[in-house]
PDB file of all heavy atoms in Angstrom:
ATOM      1  N   ALA A   1    -114.749  90.170-100.187  1.00  0.00           N
ATOM      2  CA  ALA A   1    -115.936  89.977-101.011  1.00  0.00           C
ATOM      3  C   ALA A   1    -115.641  89.063-102.197  1.00  0.00           C
ATOM      4  O   ALA A   1    -116.437  88.177-102.523  1.00  0.00           O
ATOM      5  CB  ALA A   1    -116.456  91.324-101.498  1.00  0.00           C
ATOM      6  N   VAL A   2    -114.494  89.257-102.834  1.00  0.00           N
ATOM      7  CA  VAL A   2    -114.123  88.416-103.974  1.00  0.00           C
ATOM      8  C   VAL A   2    -113.909  86.980-103.523  1.00  0.00           C
ATOM      9  O   VAL A   2    -114.368  86.028-104.179  1.00  0.00           O
ATOM     10  CB  VAL A   2    -112.861  88.984-104.667  1.00  0.00           C
ATOM     11  CG1 VAL A   2    -112.297  87.993-105.665  1.00  0.00           C
ATOM     12  CG2 VAL A   2    -113.176  90.299-105.350  1.00  0.00           C
ATOM     13  N   SER A   3    -113.259  86.786-102.393  1.00  0.00           N
ATOM     14  CA  SER A   3    -113.023  85.438-101.880  1.00  0.00           C
ATOM     15  C   SER A   3    -114.330  84.746-101.528  1.00  0.00           C
ATOM     16  O   SER A   3    -114.512  83.556-101.811  1.00  0.00           O
ATOM     17  CB  SER A   3    -112.139  85.482-100.641  1.00  0.00           C
ATOM     18  OG  SER A   3    -110.894  86.034-100.958  1.00  0.00           O
ATOM     19  N   ALA A   4    -115.251  85.464-100.923  1.00  0.00           N
ATOM     20  CA  ALA A   4    -116.540  84.882-100.551  1.00  0.00           C
ATOM     21  C   ALA A   4    -117.338  84.483-101.788  1.00  0.00           C
ATOM     22  O   ALA A   4    -117.950  83.408-101.830  1.00  0.00           O
ATOM     23  CB  ALA A   4    -117.339  85.866 -99.705  1.00  0.00           C
ATOM     24  N   THR A   5    -117.312  85.326-102.808  1.00  0.00           N
ATOM     25  CA  THR A   5    -118.022  85.012-104.047  1.00  0.00           C
ATOM     26  C   THR A   5    -117.397  83.812-104.746  1.00  0.00           C
ATOM     27  O   THR A   5    -118.105  82.922-105.232  1.00  0.00           O
ATOM     28  CB  THR A   5    -118.022  86.233-104.988  1.00  0.00           C
ATOM     29  OG1 THR A   5    -118.561  87.351-104.285  1.00  0.00           O
ATOM     30  CG2 THR A   5    -118.843  85.971-106.221  1.00  0.00           C
ATOM     31  N   ALA A   6    -116.073  83.759-104.788  1.00  0.00           N
ATOM     32  CA  ALA A   6    -115.385  82.626-105.418  1.00  0.00           C
ATOM     33  C   ALA A   6    -115.692  81.331-104.680  1.00  0.00           C
ATOM     34  O   ALA A   6    -115.939  80.293-105.301  1.00  0.00           O
ATOM     35  CB  ALA A   6    -113.885  82.881-105.449  1.00  0.00           C
ATOM     36  N   ARG A   7    -115.714  81.384-103.352  1.00  0.00           N
ATOM     37  CA  ARG A   7    -116.024  80.186-102.573  1.00  0.00           C
ATOM     38  C   ARG A   7    -117.451  79.720-102.831  1.00  0.00           C
ATOM     39  O   ARG A   7    -117.721  78.524-102.963  1.00  0.00           O
ATOM     40  CB  ARG A   7    -115.811  80.460-101.089  1.00  0.00           C
ATOM     41  CG  ARG A   7    -116.114  79.263-100.215  1.00  0.00           C
ATOM     42  CD  ARG A   7    -115.974  79.622 -98.738  1.00  0.00           C
ATOM     43  NE  ARG A   7    -116.484  78.573 -97.896  1.00  0.00           N
ATOM     44  CZ  ARG A   7    -115.768  77.554 -97.452  1.00  0.00           C
ATOM     45  NH1 ARG A   7    -114.508  77.443 -97.790  1.00  0.00           N
ATOM     46  NH2 ARG A   7    -116.311  76.646 -96.673  1.00  0.00           N
ATOM     47  N   LYS A   8    -118.369  80.665-102.903  1.00  0.00           N
ATOM     48  CA  LYS A   8    -119.771  80.315-103.145  1.00  0.00           C
ATOM     49  C   LYS A   8    -119.932  79.665-104.520  1.00  0.00           C
ATOM     50  O   LYS A   8    -120.619  78.650-104.659  1.00  0.00           O
ATOM     51  CB  LYS A   8    -120.637  81.567-103.031  1.00  0.00           C
ATOM     52  CG  LYS A   8    -122.109  81.295-103.015  1.00  0.00           C
ATOM     53  CD  LYS A   8    -122.866  82.534-102.629  1.00  0.00           C
ATOM     54  CE  LYS A   8    -124.295  82.188-102.317  1.00  0.00           C
ATOM     55  NZ  LYS A   8    -125.030  83.317-101.787  1.00  0.00           N
ATOM     56  N   LEU A   9    -119.291  80.240-105.525  1.00  0.00           N
ATOM     57  CA  LEU A   9    -119.357  79.659-106.867  1.00  0.00           C
ATOM     58  C   LEU A   9    -118.712  78.280-106.911  1.00  0.00           C
ATOM     59  O   LEU A   9    -119.233  77.354-107.546  1.00  0.00           O
ATOM     60  CB  LEU A   9    -118.686  80.589-107.880  1.00  0.00           C
ATOM     61  CG  LEU A   9    -119.478  81.819-108.274  1.00  0.00           C
ATOM     62  CD1 LEU A   9    -118.628  82.724-109.152  1.00  0.00           C
ATOM     63  CD2 LEU A   9    -120.742  81.425-109.003  1.00  0.00           C
ATOM     64  N   ALA A  10    -117.580  78.121-106.235  1.00  0.00           N
ATOM     65  CA  ALA A  10    -116.897  76.830-106.211  1.00  0.00           C
ATOM     66  C   ALA A  10    -117.768  75.770-105.545  1.00  0.00           C
ATOM     67  O   ALA A  10    -117.851  74.630-106.025  1.00  0.00           O
ATOM     68  CB  ALA A  10    -115.565  76.957-105.488  1.00  0.00           C
ATOM     69  N   THR A  11    -118.449  76.146-104.474  1.00  0.00           N
ATOM     70  CA  THR A  11    -119.335  75.202-103.800  1.00  0.00           C
ATOM     71  C   THR A  11    -120.496  74.787-104.700  1.00  0.00           C
ATOM     72  O   THR A  11    -120.846  73.609-104.772  1.00  0.00           O
ATOM     73  CB  THR A  11    -119.874  75.831-102.497  1.00  0.00           C
ATOM     74  OG1 THR A  11    -118.780  76.231-101.687  1.00  0.00           O
ATOM     75  CG2 THR A  11    -120.756  74.866-101.734  1.00  0.00           C
ATOM     76  N   ILE A  12    -121.070  75.753-105.389  1.00  0.00           N
ATOM     77  CA  ILE A  12    -122.179  75.450-106.296  1.00  0.00           C
ATOM     78  C   ILE A  12    -121.715  74.523-107.409  1.00  0.00           C
ATOM     79  O   ILE A  12    -122.373  73.513-107.717  1.00  0.00           O
ATOM     80  CB  ILE A  12    -122.774  76.760-106.867  1.00  0.00           C
ATOM     81  CG1 ILE A  12    -123.495  77.534-105.760  1.00  0.00           C
ATOM     82  CG2 ILE A  12    -123.724  76.467-108.027  1.00  0.00           C
ATOM     83  CD1 ILE A  12    -123.889  78.935-106.159  1.00  0.00           C
ATOM     84  N   LEU A  13    -120.575  74.833-108.015  1.00  0.00           N
ATOM     85  CA  LEU A  13    -120.066  73.996-109.101  1.00  0.00           C
ATOM     86  C   LEU A  13    -119.699  72.593-108.612  1.00  0.00           C
ATOM     87  O   LEU A  13    -119.952  71.602-109.295  1.00  0.00           O
ATOM     88  CB  LEU A  13    -118.864  74.675-109.757  1.00  0.00           C
ATOM     89  CG  LEU A  13    -119.188  75.954-110.532  1.00  0.00           C
ATOM     90  CD1 LEU A  13    -117.912  76.603-111.024  1.00  0.00           C
ATOM     91  CD2 LEU A  13    -120.125  75.664-111.680  1.00  0.00           C
ATOM     92  N   TRP A  14    -119.106  72.501-107.424  1.00  0.00           N
ATOM     93  CA  TRP A  14    -118.751  71.198-106.854  1.00  0.00           C
ATOM     94  C   TRP A  14    -120.003  70.338-106.665  1.00  0.00           C
ATOM     95  O   TRP A  14    -120.041  69.174-107.044  1.00  0.00           O
ATOM     96  CB  TRP A  14    -118.040  71.394-105.523  1.00  0.00           C
ATOM     97  CG  TRP A  14    -117.720  70.112-104.817  1.00  0.00           C
ATOM     98  CD1 TRP A  14    -118.510  69.450-103.921  1.00  0.00           C
ATOM     99  CD2 TRP A  14    -116.548  69.327-104.979  1.00  0.00           C
ATOM    100  NE1 TRP A  14    -117.885  68.325-103.504  1.00  0.00           N
ATOM    101  CE2 TRP A  14    -116.674  68.210-104.138  1.00  0.00           C
ATOM    102  CE3 TRP A  14    -115.390  69.463-105.739  1.00  0.00           C
ATOM    103  CZ2 TRP A  14    -115.699  67.237-104.039  1.00  0.00           C
ATOM    104  CZ3 TRP A  14    -114.419  68.490-105.634  1.00  0.00           C
ATOM    105  CH2 TRP A  14    -114.573  67.394-104.798  1.00  0.00           C
ATOM    106  N   ASN A  15    -121.029  70.937-106.077  1.00  0.00           N
ATOM    107  CA  ASN A  15    -122.263  70.193-105.843  1.00  0.00           C
ATOM    108  C   ASN A  15    -122.935  69.786-107.149  1.00  0.00           C
ATOM    109  O   ASN A  15    -123.497  68.693-107.249  1.00  0.00           O
ATOM    110  CB  ASN A  15    -123.227  71.003-104.979  1.00  0.00           C
ATOM    111  CG  ASN A  15    -122.762  71.113-103.549  1.00  0.00           C
ATOM    112  OD1 ASN A  15    -122.006  70.270-103.066  1.00  0.00           O
ATOM    113  ND2 ASN A  15    -123.196  72.147-102.859  1.00  0.00           N
ATOM    114  N   MET A  16    -122.875  70.649-108.139  1.00  0.00           N
ATOM    115  CA  MET A  16    -123.491  70.317-109.426  1.00  0.00           C
ATOM    116  C   MET A  16    -122.733  69.182-110.107  1.00  0.00           C
ATOM    117  O   MET A  16    -123.348  68.283-110.691  1.00  0.00           O
ATOM    118  CB  MET A  16    -123.527  71.553-110.331  1.00  0.00           C
ATOM    119  CG  MET A  16    -124.540  72.587-109.905  1.00  0.00           C
ATOM    120  SD  MET A  16    -124.475  74.074-110.909  1.00  0.00           S
ATOM    121  CE  MET A  16    -124.980  73.440-112.490  1.00  0.00           C
ATOM    122  N   HIS A  17    -121.419  69.194-110.042  1.00  0.00           N
ATOM    123  CA  HIS A  17    -120.629  68.213-110.778  1.00  0.00           C
ATOM    124  C   HIS A  17    -120.518  66.868-110.046  1.00  0.00           C
ATOM    125  O   HIS A  17    -120.797  65.820-110.615  1.00  0.00           O
ATOM    126  CB  HIS A  17    -119.235  68.767-111.058  1.00  0.00           C
ATOM    127  CG  HIS A  17    -118.377  67.847-111.871  1.00  0.00           C
ATOM    128  ND1 HIS A  17    -118.632  67.604-113.192  1.00  0.00           N
ATOM    129  CD2 HIS A  17    -117.303  67.114-111.530  1.00  0.00           C
ATOM    130  CE1 HIS A  17    -117.734  66.743-113.641  1.00  0.00           C
ATOM    131  NE2 HIS A  17    -116.904  66.438-112.646  1.00  0.00           N
ATOM    132  N   TYR A  18    -120.109  66.905-108.786  1.00  0.00           N
ATOM    133  CA  TYR A  18    -119.818  65.659-108.082  1.00  0.00           C
ATOM    134  C   TYR A  18    -121.028  65.044-107.396  1.00  0.00           C
ATOM    135  O   TYR A  18    -121.071  63.837-107.188  1.00  0.00           O
ATOM    136  CB  TYR A  18    -118.695  65.876-107.064  1.00  0.00           C
ATOM    137  CG  TYR A  18    -117.367  66.076-107.736  1.00  0.00           C
ATOM    138  CD1 TYR A  18    -116.824  67.336-107.868  1.00  0.00           C
ATOM    139  CD2 TYR A  18    -116.676  65.000-108.282  1.00  0.00           C
ATOM    140  CE1 TYR A  18    -115.610  67.531-108.504  1.00  0.00           C
ATOM    141  CE2 TYR A  18    -115.463  65.183-108.924  1.00  0.00           C
ATOM    142  CZ  TYR A  18    -114.942  66.441-109.029  1.00  0.00           C
ATOM    143  OH  TYR A  18    -113.745  66.631-109.664  1.00  0.00           O
ATOM    144  N   LYS A  19    -122.009  65.855-107.037  1.00  0.00           N
ATOM    145  CA  LYS A  19    -123.194  65.314-106.373  1.00  0.00           C
ATOM    146  C   LYS A  19    -124.388  65.234-107.314  1.00  0.00           C
ATOM    147  O   LYS A  19    -125.479  64.861-106.896  1.00  0.00           O
ATOM    148  CB  LYS A  19    -123.551  66.172-105.158  1.00  0.00           C
ATOM    149  CG  LYS A  19    -122.508  66.131-104.056  1.00  0.00           C
ATOM    150  CD  LYS A  19    -122.964  66.950-102.865  1.00  0.00           C
ATOM    151  CE  LYS A  19    -121.946  66.892-101.754  1.00  0.00           C
ATOM    152  NZ  LYS A  19    -122.389  67.698-100.592  1.00  0.00           N
ATOM    153  N   ASN A  20    -124.182  65.648-108.559  1.00  0.00           N
ATOM    154  CA  ASN A  20    -125.236  65.630-109.590  1.00  0.00           C
ATOM    155  C   ASN A  20    -126.500  66.358-109.128  1.00  0.00           C
ATOM    156  O   ASN A  20    -127.619  65.894-109.318  1.00  0.00           O
ATOM    157  CB  ASN A  20    -125.571  64.198-110.004  1.00  0.00           C
ATOM    158  CG  ASN A  20    -124.423  63.552-110.730  1.00  0.00           C
ATOM    159  OD1 ASN A  20    -123.722  64.208-111.492  1.00  0.00           O
ATOM    160  ND2 ASN A  20    -124.222  62.268-110.499  1.00  0.00           N
ATOM    161  N   GLN A  21    -126.299  67.489-108.495  1.00  0.00           N
ATOM    162  CA  GLN A  21    -127.419  68.304-108.053  1.00  0.00           C
ATOM    163  C   GLN A  21    -127.618  69.452-109.039  1.00  0.00           C
ATOM    164  O   GLN A  21    -126.661  70.012-109.553  1.00  0.00           O
ATOM    165  CB  GLN A  21    -127.166  68.883-106.670  1.00  0.00           C
ATOM    166  CG  GLN A  21    -127.075  67.869-105.570  1.00  0.00           C
ATOM    167  CD  GLN A  21    -126.753  68.499-104.230  1.00  0.00           C
ATOM    168  OE1 GLN A  21    -126.408  69.683-104.150  1.00  0.00           O
ATOM    169  NE2 GLN A  21    -126.857  67.714-103.178  1.00  0.00           N
ATOM    170  N   HIS A  22    -128.861  69.790-109.277  1.00  0.00           N
ATOM    171  CA  HIS A  22    -129.153  70.953-110.109  1.00  0.00           C
ATOM    172  C   HIS A  22    -129.064  72.205-109.247  1.00  0.00           C
ATOM    173  O   HIS A  22    -129.310  72.159-108.038  1.00  0.00           O
ATOM    174  CB  HIS A  22    -130.542  70.848-110.724  1.00  0.00           C
ATOM    175  CG  HIS A  22    -130.659  69.715-111.677  1.00  0.00           C
ATOM    176  ND1 HIS A  22    -130.060  69.720-112.911  1.00  0.00           N
ATOM    177  CD2 HIS A  22    -131.285  68.514-111.578  1.00  0.00           C
ATOM    178  CE1 HIS A  22    -130.317  68.601-113.540  1.00  0.00           C
ATOM    179  NE2 HIS A  22    -131.068  67.834-112.740  1.00  0.00           N
ATOM    180  N   TYR A  23    -128.712  73.307-109.880  1.00  0.00           N
ATOM    181  CA  TYR A  23    -128.637  74.566-109.139  1.00  0.00           C
ATOM    182  C   TYR A  23    -130.045  75.029-108.827  1.00  0.00           C
ATOM    183  O   TYR A  23    -130.888  75.173-109.711  1.00  0.00           O
ATOM    184  CB  TYR A  23    -127.889  75.625-109.943  1.00  0.00           C
ATOM    185  CG  TYR A  23    -127.861  76.973-109.260  1.00  0.00           C
ATOM    186  CD1 TYR A  23    -127.246  77.123-108.024  1.00  0.00           C
ATOM    187  CD2 TYR A  23    -128.462  78.089-109.836  1.00  0.00           C
ATOM    188  CE1 TYR A  23    -127.217  78.342-107.380  1.00  0.00           C
ATOM    189  CE2 TYR A  23    -128.434  79.310-109.198  1.00  0.00           C
ATOM    190  CZ  TYR A  23    -127.812  79.426-107.978  1.00  0.00           C
ATOM    191  OH  TYR A  23    -127.789  80.635-107.338  1.00  0.00           O
ATOM    192  N   ASN A  24    -130.311  75.239-107.571  1.00  0.00           N
ATOM    193  CA  ASN A  24    -131.624  75.680-107.120  1.00  0.00           C
ATOM    194  C   ASN A  24    -131.445  76.970-106.328  1.00  0.00           C
ATOM    195  O   ASN A  24    -131.231  76.926-105.115  1.00  0.00           O
ATOM    196  CB  ASN A  24    -132.265  74.595-106.243  1.00  0.00           C
ATOM    197  CG  ASN A  24    -133.700  74.914-105.909  1.00  0.00           C
ATOM    198  OD1 ASN A  24    -134.292  75.809-106.487  1.00  0.00           O
ATOM    199  ND2 ASN A  24    -134.248  74.188-104.951  1.00  0.00           N
TER     200      ASN A  24
END
């Protein structure tokens, strides 16, 4: 569960930073 949550957060942050996407 911790690994899945960390991966999800990392994906969201990656998309926000490198793809300039807003969190939706």
